[in-house]
Amino acid sequence: MDKQELKQLLQKAAQNRLNPAEQEQLDQWYNSFDARGKNRTVFRDEAHEEQVRLRLWSKIQTRFPQEQTGAFGGTIIDLWQNFNSTYRNIAAGLLLLITAASFFIYLTNNTPTYISLRAPAGKIKQITLSDGSQVWLNAKSELRYPEEFEGDLREVYLEGEAFFEVARDTTKPFIIHADHLKTQVLGTSFNIRSYRGATQATVSVSSGKVAVTEGKDQVMLKANQEARYNSQTAKLSKNSFNAEGINWWQKQGEFQFREESLADIAIVLGNKFGKKITVQNPTLASKHITASFDNKDSFQDITDILKMITGLQSHDKSETEVVWH
C-alpha cells in the first residue's frame, strides 16, 4: 500500500466510510506498524528524537488549536466533553491511529539515509557531497554523511582527519561533529584532525571563517588560524599559523606537525603506513615537536629524521608493529 492509498483510507476512516475490505486493509497496515518501527533506526540519537517529537507537537498545535470553534458552535473542547464515553473512546482510538500513521510517514520522509565511508591505511579518499562540497579523507579516517542534505543544517560526522572545501550556503550551516569538537561553517576550506586515542585535536583554517565549539567554550577562526583541543587538560585554544606556506596533505603534498606530541604523530604515521607504532617511554611520548615530511618519504626516512630530532630508538616487532623507545 503506497502513501496515497494510506492517506485515502485514513480520510475515509475519519469520516466513518470504510467498507469491510478497506477496514481489514487498514487493520493489517496498523498491525504491521510496530514491527516496522522496531526494525527501523530513524533517529541519530536521543537529541534528534526529541527534536522530531517537538516539531510534530508544534504541527499538531497549529492544526488543532485548543480554542478552535466547531461547526455547531462552542469550542472543540466543548464538543469533546459532550460526547458520551463510547464515542470518546472510538474517537481517541481513531486519533491515535491517525497520529501513528502521520508519525510513521513523517519519519519515512524526513530521515536521511546516511553513508559511512572509511579510507584504508595508506590511502586518501575524495568525496563529493550532495551540496557540492569536497572532502578529502585521510588514511584510516571515517566520514558519516547523508545521501542528501535535508532541513536547515548540513551535518556530517568525522573520525580521524579530513580536509573540507565546503560549498557556500548562507541558509544552511555546515556542521562537522568530530569527537569533542563541533565545527560550523557556511563556506570555507579547512582541515580537521581528530584521531581516536590522540591527546590533541585541531581545526586549521585555510580560507573563510569557522566556529569551533567544545562544551561551553567556543573560538572563532579565520584564515591562518587554528583551534586546538587538549583532551588531557580539556582546554580549547586558538593559535596562528601560515596556511599559505602549507602544501596540504590531501594534494599529495606534506605532512605537517606543529607542536604535536610524538604519541599523536605516531598515530598519524601509523595510519599512513599501515603500522601499529607504540611509544614505550612516557617522556618521549609527551615530547612535542614541529616537523614536516614529504608525502613521498618512506617510513624509514621519517623515522631517521625523528631519531635525529628526539633521540628515539626504534625496532620492528613485525612488519606491521614498531616500538619507539
Protein backbone atom coordinates (compact mmCIF):
# COMPACT_ATOMS: atom_id res chain seq x y z
CA MET A 1 0.00 0.00 0.00
CA ASP A 2 1.52 3.30 -1.07
CA LYS A 3 1.27 6.61 0.81
CA GLN A 4 -1.58 7.97 -1.34
CA GLU A 5 -3.71 4.85 -0.72
CA LEU A 6 -2.97 5.05 3.00
CA LYS A 7 -3.96 8.73 3.09
CA GLN A 8 -7.28 7.97 1.36
CA LEU A 9 -8.05 5.14 3.80
CA LEU A 10 -7.29 7.36 6.80
CA GLN A 11 -9.53 10.11 5.42
CA LYS A 12 -12.40 7.61 4.91
CA ALA A 13 -11.81 6.22 8.42
CA ALA A 14 -12.12 9.72 9.85
CA GLN A 15 -15.48 10.05 8.04
CA ASN A 16 -16.61 6.53 9.08
CA ARG A 17 -16.95 5.49 5.42
CA LEU A 18 -14.73 2.37 5.33
CA ASN A 19 -16.20 -0.79 3.84
CA PRO A 20 -15.21 -4.17 5.43
CA ALA A 21 -12.41 -4.83 2.90
CA GLU A 22 -10.92 -1.39 3.43
CA GLN A 23 -11.20 -1.76 7.21
CA GLU A 24 -9.31 -5.06 7.02
CA GLN A 25 -6.62 -3.47 4.82
CA LEU A 26 -6.17 -0.61 7.30
CA ASP A 27 -6.07 -3.04 10.24
CA GLN A 28 -3.34 -5.06 8.53
CA TRP A 29 -1.27 -1.92 7.97
CA TYR A 30 -1.76 -0.81 11.57
CA ASN A 31 -0.77 -4.27 12.95
CA SER A 32 2.45 -4.12 10.94
CA PHE A 33 3.28 -0.63 12.18
CA ASP A 34 5.04 -1.75 15.38
CA ALA A 35 7.08 -4.39 13.57
CA ARG A 36 8.32 -1.90 11.02
CA GLY A 37 9.13 0.64 13.68
CA LYS A 38 11.21 -1.84 15.69
CA ASN A 39 13.36 -2.71 12.69
CA ARG A 40 13.92 0.86 11.54
CA THR A 41 16.51 3.17 13.05
CA VAL A 42 15.09 6.59 12.38
CA PHE A 43 16.84 8.72 14.98
CA ARG A 44 20.54 9.62 15.01
CA ASP A 45 20.45 9.98 18.80
CA GLU A 46 18.17 10.97 21.70
CA ALA A 47 18.51 14.68 20.92
CA HIS A 48 17.36 14.08 17.34
CA GLU A 49 14.37 12.04 18.60
CA GLU A 50 13.33 14.84 20.95
CA GLN A 51 13.69 17.43 18.18
CA VAL A 52 11.40 15.42 15.87
CA ARG A 53 8.77 14.94 18.57
CA LEU A 54 8.73 18.67 19.40
CA ARG A 55 8.30 19.55 15.72
CA LEU A 56 5.40 17.11 15.41
CA TRP A 57 3.73 18.50 18.53
CA SER A 58 4.11 22.04 17.17
CA LYS A 59 2.38 20.97 13.94
CA ILE A 60 -0.49 19.38 15.91
CA GLN A 61 -0.97 22.54 17.98
CA THR A 62 -1.00 24.64 14.80
CA ARG A 63 -3.59 22.45 13.09
CA PHE A 64 -5.81 21.90 16.13
CA PRO A 65 -5.74 24.96 18.44
CA GLN A 66 -7.44 24.28 21.73
CA GLU A 67 -9.95 27.12 21.42
CA GLN A 68 -10.93 26.46 17.79
CA THR A 69 -14.70 26.86 17.29
CA GLY A 70 -16.59 23.82 15.97
CA ALA A 71 -19.21 23.72 13.22
CA PHE A 72 -22.07 23.58 15.74
CA GLY A 73 -20.86 26.38 17.99
CA GLY A 74 -18.67 26.15 21.08
CA THR A 75 -15.05 25.04 21.13
CA ILE A 76 -13.51 21.73 20.15
CA ILE A 77 -13.07 21.01 23.87
CA ASP A 78 -16.81 21.65 24.46
CA LEU A 79 -17.79 19.24 21.69
CA TRP A 80 -15.39 16.62 23.01
CA GLN A 81 -16.83 16.85 26.51
CA ASN A 82 -20.37 16.44 25.15
CA PHE A 83 -19.55 13.07 23.55
CA ASN A 84 -20.56 10.05 25.57
CA SER A 85 -17.74 7.77 26.74
CA THR A 86 -18.22 5.23 23.94
CA TYR A 87 -17.79 7.80 21.19
CA ARG A 88 -14.89 9.40 23.03
CA ASN A 89 -13.10 6.04 23.12
CA ILE A 90 -13.73 5.50 19.41
CA ALA A 91 -12.52 9.00 18.60
CA ALA A 92 -9.44 8.59 20.79
CA GLY A 93 -8.55 5.33 19.05
CA LEU A 94 -9.00 6.92 15.64
CA LEU A 95 -6.86 9.90 16.64
CA LEU A 96 -4.14 7.54 17.86
CA LEU A 97 -4.25 5.67 14.56
CA ILE A 98 -4.02 8.86 12.52
CA THR A 99 -1.21 10.21 14.72
CA ALA A 100 0.73 6.94 14.41
CA ALA A 101 0.28 6.95 10.64
CA SER A 102 1.35 10.59 10.38
CA PHE A 103 4.37 9.96 12.59
CA PHE A 104 5.48 6.98 10.51
CA ILE A 105 5.06 8.88 7.22
CA TYR A 106 6.89 11.90 8.71
CA LEU A 107 9.85 9.76 9.76
CA THR A 108 9.93 7.96 6.43
CA ASN A 109 10.04 11.24 4.52
CA ASN A 110 12.31 13.23 6.87
CA THR A 111 15.02 10.77 7.93
CA PRO A 112 18.01 10.99 5.59
CA THR A 113 19.92 7.91 4.53
CA TYR A 114 23.44 8.07 6.00
CA ILE A 115 26.53 6.72 4.28
CA SER A 116 29.72 5.73 6.10
CA LEU A 117 32.97 5.87 4.13
CA ARG A 118 36.34 4.80 5.52
CA ALA A 119 39.73 5.36 3.90
CA PRO A 120 42.04 2.32 4.19
CA ALA A 121 45.55 2.54 5.64
CA GLY A 122 47.90 4.48 3.39
CA LYS A 123 45.10 5.76 1.12
CA ILE A 124 43.22 9.04 0.65
CA LYS A 125 39.55 9.10 -0.36
CA GLN A 126 37.92 12.08 -2.08
CA ILE A 127 34.17 12.58 -1.64
CA THR A 128 31.72 14.98 -3.29
CA LEU A 129 28.72 15.62 -1.05
CA SER A 130 25.21 16.33 -2.34
CA ASP A 131 25.65 20.11 -1.91
CA GLY A 132 28.85 20.10 -3.98
CA SER A 133 31.22 20.26 -1.00
CA GLN A 134 34.51 18.39 -1.44
CA VAL A 135 36.05 16.23 1.29
CA TRP A 136 39.46 14.51 1.31
CA LEU A 137 39.51 11.71 3.86
CA ASN A 138 42.93 10.76 5.23
CA ALA A 139 44.16 7.23 5.90
CA LYS A 140 42.09 5.15 8.37
CA SER A 141 39.63 8.01 8.79
CA GLU A 142 35.85 7.69 8.54
CA LEU A 143 33.13 10.13 7.44
CA ARG A 144 29.42 9.59 8.05
CA TYR A 145 27.24 11.82 5.87
CA PRO A 146 23.67 11.92 4.49
CA GLU A 147 22.94 10.84 0.94
CA GLU A 148 21.04 14.13 0.59
CA PHE A 149 21.17 17.13 2.92
CA GLU A 150 17.68 17.93 4.23
CA GLY A 151 16.30 20.51 6.62
CA ASP A 152 18.07 23.62 7.86
CA LEU A 153 21.51 22.09 8.53
CA ARG A 154 24.21 20.16 6.71
CA GLU A 155 25.68 17.79 9.30
CA VAL A 156 28.42 15.16 8.97
CA TYR A 157 30.39 13.05 11.46
CA LEU A 158 34.17 12.57 11.31
CA GLU A 159 36.60 10.23 13.00
CA GLY A 160 40.21 10.86 12.00
CA GLU A 161 41.40 13.55 9.60
CA ALA A 162 39.77 15.27 6.65
CA PHE A 163 40.23 18.39 4.55
CA PHE A 164 36.98 20.18 3.65
CA GLU A 165 36.12 22.60 0.86
CA VAL A 166 32.57 23.50 1.82
CA ALA A 167 30.15 24.88 -0.79
CA ARG A 168 28.79 28.20 0.46
CA ASP A 169 25.13 28.29 1.52
CA THR A 170 24.19 31.04 3.98
CA THR A 171 20.79 29.42 4.62
CA LYS A 172 22.22 26.03 5.67
CA PRO A 173 25.22 26.00 8.03
CA PHE A 174 27.63 23.09 7.54
CA ILE A 175 28.47 21.29 10.81
CA ILE A 176 31.15 18.66 11.40
CA HIS A 177 30.99 16.58 14.59
CA ALA A 178 34.42 15.17 15.49
CA ASP A 179 34.61 13.63 18.95
CA HIS A 180 34.64 16.59 21.39
CA LEU A 181 34.62 19.28 18.72
CA LYS A 182 31.76 20.77 16.71
CA THR A 183 32.88 22.87 13.75
CA GLN A 184 30.37 25.13 12.00
CA VAL A 185 30.88 27.00 8.71
CA LEU A 186 28.90 28.49 5.81
CA GLY A 187 31.52 28.03 3.11
CA THR A 188 35.28 27.75 3.53
CA SER A 189 38.29 25.40 3.37
CA PHE A 190 39.90 23.89 6.45
CA ASN A 191 41.46 20.76 7.93
CA ILE A 192 40.26 18.74 10.93
CA ARG A 193 42.46 16.20 12.70
CA SER A 194 40.72 14.26 15.46
CA TYR A 195 42.03 10.70 15.75
CA ARG A 196 40.75 8.32 18.40
CA GLY A 197 43.36 7.94 21.14
CA ALA A 198 45.18 11.19 20.30
CA THR A 199 45.61 13.78 23.06
CA GLN A 200 45.12 16.73 20.70
CA ALA A 201 42.52 17.59 18.07
CA THR A 202 42.99 20.51 15.66
CA VAL A 203 40.92 22.57 13.25
CA SER A 204 43.13 24.55 10.84
CA VAL A 205 41.56 27.16 8.55
CA SER A 206 42.89 27.83 5.06
CA SER A 207 40.17 30.26 3.93
CA GLY A 208 36.89 31.73 5.22
CA LYS A 209 35.59 31.73 8.79
CA VAL A 210 34.93 28.83 11.17
CA ALA A 211 33.34 28.48 14.62
CA VAL A 212 34.71 25.65 16.78
CA THR A 213 32.80 24.59 19.89
CA GLU A 214 33.73 22.24 22.73
CA GLY A 215 31.15 22.13 25.51
CA LYS A 216 30.57 25.73 26.59
CA ASP A 217 33.79 27.01 25.02
CA GLN A 218 33.92 28.44 21.51
CA VAL A 219 36.59 30.07 19.35
CA MET A 220 36.09 31.91 16.06
CA LEU A 221 38.73 31.25 13.41
CA LYS A 222 39.68 32.89 10.15
CA ALA A 223 42.35 32.04 7.58
CA ASN A 224 45.79 31.29 9.11
CA GLN A 225 44.30 30.36 12.47
CA GLU A 226 43.65 27.02 14.12
CA ALA A 227 41.87 25.69 17.19
CA ARG A 228 43.46 23.05 19.40
CA TYR A 229 41.69 20.91 21.96
CA ASN A 230 43.77 19.01 24.51
CA SER A 231 41.82 16.06 25.91
CA GLN A 232 44.12 15.79 28.95
CA THR A 233 43.59 19.39 30.09
CA ALA A 234 40.11 19.78 28.47
CA LYS A 235 41.34 23.13 27.14
CA LEU A 236 40.35 24.73 23.83
CA SER A 237 42.81 27.30 22.47
CA LYS A 238 43.42 29.38 19.34
CA ASN A 239 46.78 29.75 17.54
CA SER A 240 48.13 31.34 14.38
CA PHE A 241 49.98 29.60 11.55
CA ASN A 242 50.88 30.27 7.92
CA ALA A 243 48.25 28.45 5.85
CA GLU A 244 49.76 29.77 2.59
CA GLY A 245 53.03 28.07 3.44
CA ILE A 246 51.43 24.64 3.80
CA ASN A 247 51.36 22.12 0.98
CA TRP A 248 48.26 20.37 2.32
CA TRP A 249 48.44 16.59 2.57
CA GLN A 250 45.26 15.98 0.52
CA LYS A 251 47.04 17.28 -2.58
CA GLN A 252 49.78 14.67 -2.06
CA GLY A 253 51.98 17.39 -0.54
CA GLU A 254 53.35 17.37 3.01
CA PHE A 255 52.55 16.01 6.44
CA GLN A 256 52.98 18.91 8.83
CA PHE A 257 53.10 18.71 12.61
CA ARG A 258 53.10 21.88 14.70
CA GLU A 259 53.95 21.41 18.38
CA GLU A 260 52.36 17.95 18.47
CA SER A 261 53.27 15.13 20.80
CA LEU A 262 55.27 12.21 19.46
CA ALA A 263 52.45 9.89 20.60
CA ASP A 264 49.95 11.74 18.36
CA ILE A 265 52.44 11.81 15.47
CA ALA A 266 52.82 8.04 15.84
CA ILE A 267 49.06 7.64 15.31
CA VAL A 268 49.10 9.69 12.08
CA LEU A 269 52.18 7.96 10.68
CA GLY A 270 50.88 4.54 11.70
CA ASN A 271 47.68 5.20 9.74
CA LYS A 272 49.61 6.39 6.70
CA PHE A 273 51.97 3.42 6.58
CA GLY A 274 49.64 0.73 7.96
CA LYS A 275 51.66 0.12 11.11
CA LYS A 276 50.97 -0.01 14.82
CA ILE A 277 53.52 2.26 16.48
CA THR A 278 53.95 2.03 20.26
CA VAL A 279 55.90 4.74 22.11
CA GLN A 280 57.09 2.99 25.27
CA ASN A 281 58.85 5.87 27.05
CA PRO A 282 56.22 8.27 28.57
CA THR A 283 58.65 11.19 28.49
CA LEU A 284 59.34 10.55 24.81
CA ALA A 285 55.63 10.10 24.06
CA SER A 286 54.77 13.52 25.51
CA LYS A 287 57.63 15.32 23.73
CA HIS A 288 56.20 18.00 21.37
CA ILE A 289 57.89 18.68 18.06
CA THR A 290 57.38 20.68 14.89
CA ALA A 291 58.30 18.97 11.63
CA SER A 292 57.14 18.39 8.08
CA PHE A 293 57.57 15.35 5.86
CA ASP A 294 57.06 14.89 2.16
CA ASN A 295 54.25 12.54 1.25
CA LYS A 296 56.76 10.51 -0.79
CA ASP A 297 59.11 9.95 2.16
CA SER A 298 59.36 6.34 3.27
CA PHE A 299 58.62 5.25 6.83
CA GLN A 300 62.32 4.61 7.39
CA ASP A 301 63.24 8.09 6.12
CA ILE A 302 60.77 9.71 8.55
CA THR A 303 61.92 7.51 11.43
CA ASP A 304 65.55 8.51 10.79
CA ILE A 305 64.61 12.21 10.93
CA LEU A 306 62.67 11.70 14.16
CA LYS A 307 65.69 9.90 15.62
CA MET A 308 67.82 12.99 14.99
CA ILE A 309 65.18 15.35 16.44
CA THR A 310 64.14 13.38 19.53
CA GLY A 311 66.84 10.77 20.09
CA LEU A 312 64.32 7.94 19.92
CA GLN A 313 65.32 4.35 19.23
CA SER A 314 63.22 2.09 17.04
CA HIS A 315 62.86 -1.62 16.49
CA ASP A 316 60.41 -3.68 14.48
CA LYS A 317 58.41 -6.37 16.27
CA SER A 318 56.95 -7.45 12.94
CA GLU A 319 56.22 -5.98 9.51
CA THR A 320 53.26 -4.07 10.96
CA GLU A 321 54.37 -3.45 14.58
CA VAL A 322 57.03 -0.92 15.59
CA VAL A 323 58.25 0.16 19.02
CA TRP A 324 59.78 3.58 19.71
CA HIS A 325 61.71 3.97 22.96
